[in-house]
Amino acid sequence: MEQWEYWTGFIWANAEDKDVKEFLKNRFPNWSPPKYAPQAMMPELNTFGEQGWELVHMEPVVVGKNYDVGFSYDGSGGTSWTNIYFCVCKRVKQ
């Protein structure tokens, strides 16, 4: 029976990062991405994939100073903007 190991963490979308900017320029030559375009996470996600990790969940979140995750629980609506995504990856246990 296959067994799995998991990785959980935050990935920031920042198209202004030097390496990310170069990746996006090569991948999408006719596009000037906004600062927090989700495509900015592609290099980091590709690295996880190269290490055998499969992304199984991704969710935008607001992160507190203690790495706690904020969310609206009272249904009041409103919009919170973020470039941080909580991700869960899995791979076959080594």
C-alpha atoms as a PDB file:
ATOM      1  CA  MET A   1       0.000   0.000   0.000  1.00  0.00           C
ATOM      2  CA  GLU A   2       1.380   3.412  -0.959  1.00  0.00           C
ATOM      3  CA  GLN A   3       2.135   5.785   1.855  1.00  0.00           C
ATOM      4  CA  TRP A   4       2.276   9.538   1.488  1.00  0.00           C
ATOM      5  CA  GLU A   5       4.189  12.380   3.048  1.00  0.00           C
ATOM      6  CA  TYR A   6       2.889  15.936   3.018  1.00  0.00           C
ATOM      7  CA  TRP A   7       4.263  19.462   2.859  1.00  0.00           C
ATOM      8  CA  THR A   8       2.225  22.457   3.968  1.00  0.00           C
ATOM      9  CA  GLY A   9       3.279  26.059   3.721  1.00  0.00           C
ATOM     10  CA  PHE A  10       2.825  29.480   2.204  1.00  0.00           C
ATOM     11  CA  ILE A  11       3.886  30.583  -1.257  1.00  0.00           C
ATOM     12  CA  TRP A  12       4.038  34.272  -2.095  1.00  0.00           C
ATOM     13  CA  ALA A  13       3.173  35.528  -5.570  1.00  0.00           C
ATOM     14  CA  ASN A  14       5.588  38.336  -6.417  1.00  0.00           C
ATOM     15  CA  ALA A  15       6.263  39.020 -10.076  1.00  0.00           C
ATOM     16  CA  GLU A  16       8.866  41.644  -9.132  1.00  0.00           C
ATOM     17  CA  ASP A  17      11.298  39.060  -7.758  1.00  0.00           C
ATOM     18  CA  LYS A  18      14.338  39.049 -10.076  1.00  0.00           C
ATOM     19  CA  ASP A  19      14.312  35.302 -10.852  1.00  0.00           C
ATOM     20  CA  VAL A  20      10.535  35.199 -11.196  1.00  0.00           C
ATOM     21  CA  LYS A  21      10.573  38.213 -13.504  1.00  0.00           C
ATOM     22  CA  GLU A  22      13.066  36.461 -15.794  1.00  0.00           C
ATOM     23  CA  PHE A  23      11.005  33.254 -15.776  1.00  0.00           C
ATOM     24  CA  LEU A  24       7.823  35.115 -16.670  1.00  0.00           C
ATOM     25  CA  LYS A  25       9.563  37.090 -19.415  1.00  0.00           C
ATOM     26  CA  ASN A  26      10.777  33.840 -21.020  1.00  0.00           C
ATOM     27  CA  ARG A  27       7.491  32.018 -20.540  1.00  0.00           C
ATOM     28  CA  PHE A  28       5.176  34.866 -21.542  1.00  0.00           C
ATOM     29  CA  PRO A  29       7.275  37.194 -23.761  1.00  0.00           C
ATOM     30  CA  ASN A  30       4.403  39.521 -24.731  1.00  0.00           C
ATOM     31  CA  TRP A  31       2.970  39.996 -21.245  1.00  0.00           C
ATOM     32  CA  SER A  32       3.803  42.447 -18.520  1.00  0.00           C
ATOM     33  CA  PRO A  33       2.454  40.780 -15.370  1.00  0.00           C
ATOM     34  CA  PRO A  34       0.964  42.728 -12.486  1.00  0.00           C
ATOM     35  CA  LYS A  35       3.023  42.695  -9.292  1.00  0.00           C
ATOM     36  CA  TYR A  36       1.071  39.890  -7.599  1.00  0.00           C
ATOM     37  CA  ALA A  37       0.086  37.765 -10.600  1.00  0.00           C
ATOM     38  CA  PRO A  38      -0.488  34.143  -9.506  1.00  0.00           C
ATOM     39  CA  GLN A  39       1.778  33.017 -12.360  1.00  0.00           C
ATOM     40  CA  ALA A  40       4.666  34.334 -10.237  1.00  0.00           C
ATOM     41  CA  MET A  41       4.372  31.154  -8.144  1.00  0.00           C
ATOM     42  CA  MET A  42       5.120  28.896 -11.105  1.00  0.00           C
ATOM     43  CA  PRO A  43       8.913  28.659 -10.592  1.00  0.00           C
ATOM     44  CA  GLU A  44       8.525  27.598  -6.953  1.00  0.00           C
ATOM     45  CA  LEU A  45       5.717  25.179  -7.781  1.00  0.00           C
ATOM     46  CA  ASN A  46       7.828  23.727 -10.617  1.00  0.00           C
ATOM     47  CA  THR A  47      10.660  23.140  -8.134  1.00  0.00           C
ATOM     48  CA  PHE A  48       8.282  21.226  -5.887  1.00  0.00           C
ATOM     49  CA  GLY A  49       7.146  19.165  -8.876  1.00  0.00           C
ATOM     50  CA  GLU A  50      10.758  18.354  -9.773  1.00  0.00           C
ATOM     51  CA  GLN A  51      11.193  17.022  -6.238  1.00  0.00           C
ATOM     52  CA  GLY A  52       8.205  14.714  -6.665  1.00  0.00           C
ATOM     53  CA  TRP A  53       5.629  16.848  -4.838  1.00  0.00           C
ATOM     54  CA  GLU A  54       2.100  17.124  -6.216  1.00  0.00           C
ATOM     55  CA  LEU A  55       0.043  20.194  -5.344  1.00  0.00           C
ATOM     56  CA  VAL A  56      -3.266  18.966  -3.917  1.00  0.00           C
ATOM     57  CA  HIS A  57      -4.645  22.174  -2.425  1.00  0.00           C
ATOM     58  CA  MET A  58      -4.051  25.902  -2.813  1.00  0.00           C
ATOM     59  CA  GLU A  59      -5.983  28.692  -1.154  1.00  0.00           C
ATOM     60  CA  PRO A  60      -5.394  32.443  -0.886  1.00  0.00           C
ATOM     61  CA  VAL A  61      -4.958  33.470   2.736  1.00  0.00           C
ATOM     62  CA  VAL A  62      -4.154  36.423   4.951  1.00  0.00           C
ATOM     63  CA  VAL A  63      -1.239  35.558   7.232  1.00  0.00           C
ATOM     64  CA  GLY A  64      -0.638  37.069  10.660  1.00  0.00           C
ATOM     65  CA  LYS A  65       2.682  37.845  12.316  1.00  0.00           C
ATOM     66  CA  ASN A  66       2.668  34.403  13.984  1.00  0.00           C
ATOM     67  CA  TYR A  67       1.946  32.687  10.665  1.00  0.00           C
ATOM     68  CA  ASP A  68      -1.649  32.281  11.724  1.00  0.00           C
ATOM     69  CA  VAL A  69      -4.239  32.407   8.955  1.00  0.00           C
ATOM     70  CA  GLY A  70      -7.027  34.977   8.957  1.00  0.00           C
ATOM     71  CA  PHE A  71     -10.481  34.413   7.535  1.00  0.00           C
ATOM     72  CA  SER A  72     -13.968  35.854   7.804  1.00  0.00           C
ATOM     73  CA  TYR A  73     -16.176  33.679   9.965  1.00  0.00           C
ATOM     74  CA  ASP A  74     -19.145  35.962  10.479  1.00  0.00           C
ATOM     75  CA  GLY A  75     -20.280  36.121   6.853  1.00  0.00           C
ATOM     76  CA  SER A  76     -19.890  39.902   6.760  1.00  0.00           C
ATOM     77  CA  GLY A  77     -18.320  39.723   3.322  1.00  0.00           C
ATOM     78  CA  GLY A  78     -15.878  42.391   2.365  1.00  0.00           C
ATOM     79  CA  THR A  79     -12.781  41.819   0.328  1.00  0.00           C
ATOM     80  CA  SER A  80      -9.359  40.997   1.672  1.00  0.00           C
ATOM     81  CA  TRP A  81      -6.526  41.167  -0.838  1.00  0.00           C
ATOM     82  CA  THR A  82      -3.519  38.899  -0.597  1.00  0.00           C
ATOM     83  CA  ASN A  83      -0.645  37.509  -2.607  1.00  0.00           C
ATOM     84  CA  ILE A  84      -0.057  34.667  -0.156  1.00  0.00           C
ATOM     85  CA  TYR A  85      -1.338  31.170  -0.816  1.00  0.00           C
ATOM     86  CA  PHE A  86      -1.565  28.274   1.613  1.00  0.00           C
ATOM     87  CA  CYS A  87      -0.484  25.140  -0.227  1.00  0.00           C
ATOM     88  CA  VAL A  88      -0.602  21.437   0.523  1.00  0.00           C
ATOM     89  CA  CYS A  89       1.563  19.046  -1.497  1.00  0.00           C
ATOM     90  CA  LYS A  90       2.005  15.300  -1.277  1.00  0.00           C
ATOM     91  CA  ARG A  91       4.420  12.711  -2.615  1.00  0.00           C
ATOM     92  CA  VAL A  92       4.991   9.027  -2.178  1.00  0.00           C
ATOM     93  CA  LYS A  93       6.804   8.474   1.100  1.00  0.00           C
ATOM     94  CA  GLN A  94      10.511   7.825   0.552  1.00  0.00           C
END
